[in-house]
Amino acid sequence: MAEKRKYGKKFCKYTEMKIDFIDYKNTDLLKISMSERGKIMPRRLTGNSKSSQEMVEKAIKRARHMALVPYIVDTQNVTDAAYSKH
């Protein structure tokens, strides 16, 4: 029988930083809960509390609408440059 892996307890980064409201204009704070492709990370991966996750979702969607954060990040250009022959 394989041993179970033990992971550290996930904690909410926003309550740790004592942030009670997440503003859509603070993109550095929003990028904590976004993947490198610009997707919103789920609670089970980030460890956010329910209220923080709801604020993050709303703020990211508002920031996308205001064009502060992109809807999609095109990674094709990055990988093409790495594999192109010079």
PDB file of N, CA and C in Angstrom:
ATOM      1  N   MET A   1       0.815  -1.188   0.000  1.00  0.00           N
ATOM      2  CA  MET A   1       0.000   0.000   0.000  1.00  0.00           C
ATOM      3  C   MET A   1       0.862   1.257   0.000  1.00  0.00           C
ATOM      4  N   ALA A   2       0.516   2.170  -0.839  1.00  0.00           N
ATOM      5  CA  ALA A   2       1.286   3.415  -0.921  1.00  0.00           C
ATOM      6  C   ALA A   2       0.932   4.328   0.258  1.00  0.00           C
ATOM      7  N   GLU A   3       1.931   5.055   0.712  1.00  0.00           N
ATOM      8  CA  GLU A   3       1.684   5.979   1.815  1.00  0.00           C
ATOM      9  C   GLU A   3       0.938   7.206   1.315  1.00  0.00           C
ATOM     10  N   LYS A   4       0.086   7.743   2.180  1.00  0.00           N
ATOM     11  CA  LYS A   4      -0.622   8.957   1.817  1.00  0.00           C
ATOM     12  C   LYS A   4       0.332  10.143   1.912  1.00  0.00           C
ATOM     13  N   ARG A   5       0.207  11.045   0.963  1.00  0.00           N
ATOM     14  CA  ARG A   5       1.037  12.244   1.007  1.00  0.00           C
ATOM     15  C   ARG A   5       0.445  13.230   1.998  1.00  0.00           C
ATOM     16  N   LYS A   6       1.293  13.893   2.713  1.00  0.00           N
ATOM     17  CA  LYS A   6       0.837  14.874   3.680  1.00  0.00           C
ATOM     18  C   LYS A   6       1.186  16.260   3.164  1.00  0.00           C
ATOM     19  N   TYR A   7       0.164  17.067   2.997  1.00  0.00           N
ATOM     20  CA  TYR A   7       0.348  18.424   2.536  1.00  0.00           C
ATOM     21  C   TYR A   7       0.147  19.390   3.686  1.00  0.00           C
ATOM     22  N   GLY A   8       0.797  20.526   3.579  1.00  0.00           N
ATOM     23  CA  GLY A   8       0.602  21.558   4.593  1.00  0.00           C
ATOM     24  C   GLY A   8      -0.778  22.166   4.468  1.00  0.00           C
ATOM     25  N   LYS A   9      -1.304  22.649   5.580  1.00  0.00           N
ATOM     26  CA  LYS A   9      -2.642  23.250   5.560  1.00  0.00           C
ATOM     27  C   LYS A   9      -2.596  24.533   4.761  1.00  0.00           C
ATOM     28  N   LYS A  10      -3.579  24.679   3.859  1.00  0.00           N
ATOM     29  CA  LYS A  10      -3.663  25.898   3.061  1.00  0.00           C
ATOM     30  C   LYS A  10      -4.348  26.972   3.892  1.00  0.00           C
ATOM     31  N   PHE A  11      -3.912  28.195   3.704  1.00  0.00           N
ATOM     32  CA  PHE A  11      -4.494  29.299   4.444  1.00  0.00           C
ATOM     33  C   PHE A  11      -4.774  30.445   3.482  1.00  0.00           C
ATOM     34  N   CYS A  12      -5.682  31.287   3.868  1.00  0.00           N
ATOM     35  CA  CYS A  12      -6.078  32.414   3.030  1.00  0.00           C
ATOM     36  C   CYS A  12      -5.014  33.503   3.117  1.00  0.00           C
ATOM     37  N   LYS A  13      -4.423  33.843   1.994  1.00  0.00           N
ATOM     38  CA  LYS A  13      -3.375  34.865   1.966  1.00  0.00           C
ATOM     39  C   LYS A  13      -3.920  36.252   2.274  1.00  0.00           C
ATOM     40  N   TYR A  14      -5.189  36.463   1.911  1.00  0.00           N
ATOM     41  CA  TYR A  14      -5.781  37.784   2.104  1.00  0.00           C
ATOM     42  C   TYR A  14      -6.108  38.050   3.574  1.00  0.00           C
ATOM     43  N   THR A  15      -6.579  37.039   4.298  1.00  0.00           N
ATOM     44  CA  THR A  15      -6.815  37.245   5.722  1.00  0.00           C
ATOM     45  C   THR A  15      -5.489  37.305   6.479  1.00  0.00           C
ATOM     46  N   GLU A  16      -4.491  36.616   5.965  1.00  0.00           N
ATOM     47  CA  GLU A  16      -3.149  36.684   6.570  1.00  0.00           C
ATOM     48  C   GLU A  16      -2.571  38.100   6.446  1.00  0.00           C
ATOM     49  N   MET A  17      -2.843  38.754   5.301  1.00  0.00           N
ATOM     50  CA  MET A  17      -2.364  40.122   5.087  1.00  0.00           C
ATOM     51  C   MET A  17      -3.302  41.164   5.694  1.00  0.00           C
ATOM     52  N   LYS A  18      -4.401  40.692   6.341  1.00  0.00           N
ATOM     53  CA  LYS A  18      -5.401  41.557   6.983  1.00  0.00           C
ATOM     54  C   LYS A  18      -6.038  42.530   5.988  1.00  0.00           C
ATOM     55  N   ILE A  19      -6.427  41.988   4.819  1.00  0.00           N
ATOM     56  CA  ILE A  19      -7.103  42.777   3.798  1.00  0.00           C
ATOM     57  C   ILE A  19      -8.589  42.481   3.902  1.00  0.00           C
ATOM     58  N   ASP A  20      -9.394  43.529   4.144  1.00  0.00           N
ATOM     59  CA  ASP A  20     -10.830  43.299   4.286  1.00  0.00           C
ATOM     60  C   ASP A  20     -11.601  43.594   3.006  1.00  0.00           C
ATOM     61  N   PHE A  21     -10.994  44.306   2.042  1.00  0.00           N
ATOM     62  CA  PHE A  21     -11.644  44.547   0.753  1.00  0.00           C
ATOM     63  C   PHE A  21     -10.599  44.471  -0.355  1.00  0.00           C
ATOM     64  N   ILE A  22     -10.916  43.757  -1.412  1.00  0.00           N
ATOM     65  CA  ILE A  22     -10.005  43.598  -2.536  1.00  0.00           C
ATOM     66  C   ILE A  22     -10.505  44.486  -3.665  1.00  0.00           C
ATOM     67  N   ASP A  23      -9.692  45.464  -4.044  1.00  0.00           N
ATOM     68  CA  ASP A  23     -10.083  46.432  -5.060  1.00  0.00           C
ATOM     69  C   ASP A  23      -9.610  45.973  -6.433  1.00  0.00           C
ATOM     70  N   TYR A  24     -10.403  46.237  -7.456  1.00  0.00           N
ATOM     71  CA  TYR A  24     -10.062  45.797  -8.805  1.00  0.00           C
ATOM     72  C   TYR A  24      -8.888  46.569  -9.393  1.00  0.00           C
ATOM     73  N   LYS A  25      -8.573  47.744  -8.826  1.00  0.00           N
ATOM     74  CA  LYS A  25      -7.479  48.551  -9.352  1.00  0.00           C
ATOM     75  C   LYS A  25      -6.103  48.064  -8.888  1.00  0.00           C
ATOM     76  N   ASN A  26      -6.072  47.242  -7.866  1.00  0.00           N
ATOM     77  CA  ASN A  26      -4.810  46.717  -7.338  1.00  0.00           C
ATOM     78  C   ASN A  26      -4.496  45.396  -8.036  1.00  0.00           C
ATOM     79  N   THR A  27      -3.875  45.476  -9.213  1.00  0.00           N
ATOM     80  CA  THR A  27      -3.646  44.273 -10.024  1.00  0.00           C
ATOM     81  C   THR A  27      -2.585  43.357  -9.424  1.00  0.00           C
ATOM     82  N   ASP A  28      -1.641  43.913  -8.667  1.00  0.00           N
ATOM     83  CA  ASP A  28      -0.622  43.071  -8.033  1.00  0.00           C
ATOM     84  C   ASP A  28      -1.258  42.119  -7.023  1.00  0.00           C
ATOM     85  N   LEU A  29      -2.256  42.590  -6.321  1.00  0.00           N
ATOM     86  CA  LEU A  29      -2.964  41.778  -5.346  1.00  0.00           C
ATOM     87  C   LEU A  29      -3.815  40.717  -6.033  1.00  0.00           C
ATOM     88  N   LEU A  30      -4.382  41.060  -7.180  1.00  0.00           N
ATOM     89  CA  LEU A  30      -5.228  40.117  -7.910  1.00  0.00           C
ATOM     90  C   LEU A  30      -4.417  38.983  -8.533  1.00  0.00           C
ATOM     91  N   LYS A  31      -3.184  39.265  -8.906  1.00  0.00           N
ATOM     92  CA  LYS A  31      -2.370  38.256  -9.587  1.00  0.00           C
ATOM     93  C   LYS A  31      -1.988  37.092  -8.676  1.00  0.00           C
ATOM     94  N   ILE A  32      -2.178  37.258  -7.358  1.00  0.00           N
ATOM     95  CA  ILE A  32      -1.941  36.151  -6.427  1.00  0.00           C
ATOM     96  C   ILE A  32      -2.895  35.001  -6.726  1.00  0.00           C
ATOM     97  N   SER A  33      -4.135  35.340  -7.089  1.00  0.00           N
ATOM     98  CA  SER A  33      -5.165  34.329  -7.306  1.00  0.00           C
ATOM     99  C   SER A  33      -5.416  34.042  -8.776  1.00  0.00           C
ATOM    100  N   MET A  34      -4.461  34.390  -9.640  1.00  0.00           N
ATOM    101  CA  MET A  34      -4.600  34.111 -11.069  1.00  0.00           C
ATOM    102  C   MET A  34      -3.458  33.228 -11.547  1.00  0.00           C
ATOM    103  N   SER A  35      -3.760  32.376 -12.532  1.00  0.00           N
ATOM    104  CA  SER A  35      -2.710  31.551 -13.114  1.00  0.00           C
ATOM    105  C   SER A  35      -1.902  32.392 -14.105  1.00  0.00           C
ATOM    106  N   GLU A  36      -0.833  31.819 -14.648  1.00  0.00           N
ATOM    107  CA  GLU A  36      -0.009  32.573 -15.597  1.00  0.00           C
ATOM    108  C   GLU A  36      -0.734  32.818 -16.912  1.00  0.00           C
ATOM    109  N   ARG A  37      -1.795  32.066 -17.157  1.00  0.00           N
ATOM    110  CA  ARG A  37      -2.589  32.273 -18.368  1.00  0.00           C
ATOM    111  C   ARG A  37      -3.737  33.244 -18.145  1.00  0.00           C
ATOM    112  N   GLY A  38      -3.898  33.750 -16.926  1.00  0.00           N
ATOM    113  CA  GLY A  38      -4.924  34.740 -16.646  1.00  0.00           C
ATOM    114  C   GLY A  38      -6.221  34.169 -16.122  1.00  0.00           C
ATOM    115  N   LYS A  39      -6.246  32.893 -15.771  1.00  0.00           N
ATOM    116  CA  LYS A  39      -7.469  32.286 -15.252  1.00  0.00           C
ATOM    117  C   LYS A  39      -7.552  32.473 -13.739  1.00  0.00           C
ATOM    118  N   ILE A  40      -8.777  32.497 -13.233  1.00  0.00           N
ATOM    119  CA  ILE A  40      -8.988  32.615 -11.790  1.00  0.00           C
ATOM    120  C   ILE A  40      -8.751  31.244 -11.167  1.00  0.00           C
ATOM    121  N   MET A  41      -7.856  31.181 -10.198  1.00  0.00           N
ATOM    122  CA  MET A  41      -7.537  29.919  -9.541  1.00  0.00           C
ATOM    123  C   MET A  41      -8.655  29.541  -8.569  1.00  0.00           C
ATOM    124  N   PRO A  42      -9.003  28.249  -8.490  1.00  0.00           N
ATOM    125  CA  PRO A  42     -10.070  27.837  -7.575  1.00  0.00           C
ATOM    126  C   PRO A  42      -9.615  27.855  -6.116  1.00  0.00           C
ATOM    127  N   ARG A  43     -10.599  27.855  -5.225  1.00  0.00           N
ATOM    128  CA  ARG A  43     -10.316  27.904  -3.787  1.00  0.00           C
ATOM    129  C   ARG A  43      -9.492  26.730  -3.311  1.00  0.00           C
ATOM    130  N   ARG A  44      -9.733  25.556  -3.879  1.00  0.00           N
ATOM    131  CA  ARG A  44      -9.027  24.364  -3.400  1.00  0.00           C
ATOM    132  C   ARG A  44      -7.527  24.439  -3.696  1.00  0.00           C
ATOM    133  N   LEU A  45      -7.124  25.248  -4.677  1.00  0.00           N
ATOM    134  CA  LEU A  45      -5.698  25.408  -4.971  1.00  0.00           C
ATOM    135  C   LEU A  45      -5.076  26.581  -4.224  1.00  0.00           C
ATOM    136  N   THR A  46      -5.818  27.680  -4.092  1.00  0.00           N
ATOM    137  CA  THR A  46      -5.244  28.859  -3.442  1.00  0.00           C
ATOM    138  C   THR A  46      -5.394  28.838  -1.937  1.00  0.00           C
ATOM    139  N   GLY A  47      -6.449  28.175  -1.438  1.00  0.00           N
ATOM    140  CA  GLY A  47      -6.681  28.153   0.001  1.00  0.00           C
ATOM    141  C   GLY A  47      -7.414  29.376   0.505  1.00  0.00           C
ATOM    142  N   ASN A  48      -7.995  30.156  -0.401  1.00  0.00           N
ATOM    143  CA  ASN A  48      -8.729  31.356   0.012  1.00  0.00           C
ATOM    144  C   ASN A  48      -9.979  30.990   0.788  1.00  0.00           C
ATOM    145  N   SER A  49     -10.387  31.908   1.660  1.00  0.00           N
ATOM    146  CA  SER A  49     -11.675  31.727   2.340  1.00  0.00           C
ATOM    147  C   SER A  49     -12.789  32.043   1.351  1.00  0.00           C
ATOM    148  N   LYS A  50     -14.012  31.658   1.702  1.00  0.00           N
ATOM    149  CA  LYS A  50     -15.139  31.849   0.779  1.00  0.00           C
ATOM    150  C   LYS A  50     -15.371  33.321   0.471  1.00  0.00           C
ATOM    151  N   SER A  51     -15.352  34.147   1.494  1.00  0.00           N
ATOM    152  CA  SER A  51     -15.594  35.579   1.278  1.00  0.00           C
ATOM    153  C   SER A  51     -14.479  36.221   0.455  1.00  0.00           C
ATOM    154  N   SER A  52     -13.229  35.823   0.725  1.00  0.00           N
ATOM    155  CA  SER A  52     -12.102  36.365  -0.044  1.00  0.00           C
ATOM    156  C   SER A  52     -12.176  35.927  -1.498  1.00  0.00           C
ATOM    157  N   GLN A  53     -12.535  34.666  -1.734  1.00  0.00           N
ATOM    158  CA  GLN A  53     -12.623  34.154  -3.097  1.00  0.00           C
ATOM    159  C   GLN A  53     -13.712  34.893  -3.885  1.00  0.00           C
ATOM    160  N   GLU A  54     -14.838  35.176  -3.230  1.00  0.00           N
ATOM    161  CA  GLU A  54     -15.910  35.912  -3.904  1.00  0.00           C
ATOM    162  C   GLU A  54     -15.454  37.330  -4.247  1.00  0.00           C
ATOM    163  N   MET A  55     -14.740  37.987  -3.323  1.00  0.00           N
ATOM    164  CA  MET A  55     -14.220  39.321  -3.602  1.00  0.00           C
ATOM    165  C   MET A  55     -13.196  39.300  -4.721  1.00  0.00           C
ATOM    166  N   VAL A  56     -12.338  38.269  -4.723  1.00  0.00           N
ATOM    167  CA  VAL A  56     -11.319  38.134  -5.767  1.00  0.00           C
ATOM    168  C   VAL A  56     -11.976  37.953  -7.125  1.00  0.00           C
ATOM    169  N   GLU A  57     -12.967  37.071  -7.206  1.00  0.00           N
ATOM    170  CA  GLU A  57     -13.660  36.831  -8.473  1.00  0.00           C
ATOM    171  C   GLU A  57     -14.286  38.099  -9.010  1.00  0.00           C
ATOM    172  N   LYS A  58     -14.987  38.815  -8.138  1.00  0.00           N
ATOM    173  CA  LYS A  58     -15.662  40.048  -8.562  1.00  0.00           C
ATOM    174  C   LYS A  58     -14.636  41.092  -9.005  1.00  0.00           C
ATOM    175  N   ALA A  59     -13.535  41.213  -8.256  1.00  0.00           N
ATOM    176  CA  ALA A  59     -12.514  42.204  -8.592  1.00  0.00           C
ATOM    177  C   ALA A  59     -11.811  41.857  -9.900  1.00  0.00           C
ATOM    178  N   ILE A  60     -11.513  40.579 -10.134  1.00  0.00           N
ATOM    179  CA  ILE A  60     -10.855  40.183 -11.377  1.00  0.00           C
ATOM    180  C   ILE A  60     -11.768  40.420 -12.571  1.00  0.00           C
ATOM    181  N   LYS A  61     -13.039  40.096 -12.426  1.00  0.00           N
ATOM    182  CA  LYS A  61     -13.987  40.315 -13.518  1.00  0.00           C
ATOM    183  C   LYS A  61     -14.148  41.801 -13.818  1.00  0.00           C
ATOM    184  N   ARG A  62     -14.150  42.637 -12.773  1.00  0.00           N
ATOM    185  CA  ARG A  62     -14.216  44.080 -12.988  1.00  0.00           C
ATOM    186  C   ARG A  62     -12.941  44.592 -13.650  1.00  0.00           C
ATOM    187  N   ALA A  63     -11.794  44.088 -13.212  1.00  0.00           N
ATOM    188  CA  ALA A  63     -10.517  44.512 -13.797  1.00  0.00           C
ATOM    189  C   ALA A  63     -10.419  44.091 -15.260  1.00  0.00           C
ATOM    190  N   ARG A  64     -10.945  42.915 -15.594  1.00  0.00           N
ATOM    191  CA  ARG A  64     -10.968  42.485 -16.993  1.00  0.00           C
ATOM    192  C   ARG A  64     -11.844  43.414 -17.818  1.00  0.00           C
ATOM    193  N   HIS A  65     -12.996  43.770 -17.272  1.00  0.00           N
ATOM    194  CA  HIS A  65     -13.916  44.657 -17.986  1.00  0.00           C
ATOM    195  C   HIS A  65     -13.296  46.033 -18.215  1.00  0.00           C
ATOM    196  N   MET A  66     -12.503  46.509 -17.262  1.00  0.00           N
ATOM    197  CA  MET A  66     -11.850  47.811 -17.383  1.00  0.00           C
ATOM    198  C   MET A  66     -10.510  47.716 -18.130  1.00  0.00           C
ATOM    199  N   ALA A  67     -10.165  46.529 -18.617  1.00  0.00           N
ATOM    200  CA  ALA A  67      -8.937  46.269 -19.392  1.00  0.00           C
ATOM    201  C   ALA A  67      -7.667  46.484 -18.570  1.00  0.00           C
ATOM    202  N   LEU A  68      -7.747  46.257 -17.265  1.00  0.00           N
ATOM    203  CA  LEU A  68      -6.548  46.294 -16.428  1.00  0.00           C
ATOM    204  C   LEU A  68      -5.857  44.937 -16.413  1.00  0.00           C
ATOM    205  N   VAL A  69      -6.649  43.876 -16.591  1.00  0.00           N
ATOM    206  CA  VAL A  69      -6.158  42.499 -16.611  1.00  0.00           C
ATOM    207  C   VAL A  69      -6.696  41.863 -17.896  1.00  0.00           C
ATOM    208  N   PRO A  70      -5.870  41.147 -18.651  1.00  0.00           N
ATOM    209  CA  PRO A  70      -6.375  40.554 -19.893  1.00  0.00           C
ATOM    210  C   PRO A  70      -7.309  39.375 -19.640  1.00  0.00           C
ATOM    211  N   TYR A  71      -8.247  39.170 -20.567  1.00  0.00           N
ATOM    212  CA  TYR A  71      -9.120  38.003 -20.497  1.00  0.00           C
ATOM    213  C   TYR A  71      -8.318  36.739 -20.773  1.00  0.00           C
ATOM    214  N   ILE A  72      -7.476  36.784 -21.813  1.00  0.00           N
ATOM    215  CA  ILE A  72      -6.674  35.627 -22.200  1.00  0.00           C
ATOM    216  C   ILE A  72      -5.239  36.101 -22.395  1.00  0.00           C
ATOM    217  N   VAL A  73      -4.288  35.255 -22.030  1.00  0.00           N
ATOM    218  CA  VAL A  73      -2.880  35.540 -22.274  1.00  0.00           C
ATOM    219  C   VAL A  73      -2.432  34.609 -23.390  1.00  0.00           C
ATOM    220  N   ASP A  74      -1.900  35.181 -24.452  1.00  0.00           N
ATOM    221  CA  ASP A  74      -1.468  34.382 -25.599  1.00  0.00           C
ATOM    222  C   ASP A  74      -0.079  33.824 -25.313  1.00  0.00           C
ATOM    223  N   THR A  75      -0.003  32.533 -25.035  1.00  0.00           N
ATOM    224  CA  THR A  75       1.286  31.908 -24.761  1.00  0.00           C
ATOM    225  C   THR A  75       1.924  31.353 -26.027  1.00  0.00           C
ATOM    226  N   GLN A  76       1.233  31.432 -27.130  1.00  0.00           N
ATOM    227  CA  GLN A  76       1.759  30.905 -28.385  1.00  0.00           C
ATOM    228  C   GLN A  76       3.023  31.657 -28.805  1.00  0.00           C
ATOM    229  N   ASN A  77       3.022  32.976 -28.659  1.00  0.00           N
ATOM    230  CA  ASN A  77       4.189  33.776 -29.045  1.00  0.00           C
ATOM    231  C   ASN A  77       5.398  33.441 -28.190  1.00  0.00           C
ATOM    232  N   VAL A  78       5.178  33.156 -26.935  1.00  0.00           N
ATOM    233  CA  VAL A  78       6.280  32.834 -26.021  1.00  0.00           C
ATOM    234  C   VAL A  78       6.907  31.499 -26.399  1.00  0.00           C
ATOM    235  N   THR A  79       6.084  30.489 -26.673  1.00  0.00           N
ATOM    236  CA  THR A  79       6.630  29.171 -27.007  1.00  0.00           C
ATOM    237  C   THR A  79       7.222  29.142 -28.407  1.00  0.00           C
ATOM    238  N   ASP A  80       6.662  29.921 -29.352  1.00  0.00           N
ATOM    239  CA  ASP A  80       7.226  29.959 -30.695  1.00  0.00           C
ATOM    240  C   ASP A  80       8.636  30.525 -30.683  1.00  0.00           C
ATOM    241  N   ALA A  81       8.839  31.564 -29.881  1.00  0.00           N
ATOM    242  CA  ALA A  81      10.166  32.182 -29.805  1.00  0.00           C
ATOM    243  C   ALA A  81      11.189  31.224 -29.207  1.00  0.00           C
ATOM    244  N   ALA A  82      10.762  30.399 -28.284  1.00  0.00           N
ATOM    245  CA  ALA A  82      11.693  29.476 -27.631  1.00  0.00           C
ATOM    246  C   ALA A  82      12.108  28.355 -28.574  1.00  0.00           C
ATOM    247  N   TYR A  83      11.195  27.918 -29.449  1.00  0.00           N
ATOM    248  CA  TYR A  83      11.488  26.780 -30.315  1.00  0.00           C
ATOM    249  C   TYR A  83      11.882  27.162 -31.733  1.00  0.00           C
ATOM    250  N   SER A  84      11.897  28.445 -32.044  1.00  0.00           N
ATOM    251  CA  SER A  84      12.254  28.833 -33.412  1.00  0.00           C
ATOM    252  C   SER A  84      13.754  28.697 -33.629  1.00  0.00           C
ATOM    253  N   LYS A  85      14.126  28.375 -34.841  1.00  0.00           N
ATOM    254  CA  LYS A  85      15.552  28.229 -35.188  1.00  0.00           C
ATOM    255  C   LYS A  85      16.055  29.557 -35.727  1.00  0.00           C
ATOM    256  N   HIS A  86      17.171  29.974 -35.210  1.00  0.00           N
ATOM    257  CA  HIS A  86      17.720  31.277 -35.607  1.00  0.00           C
ATOM    258  C   HIS A  86      18.628  31.125 -36.772  1.00  0.00           C
TER     259      HIS A  86
END
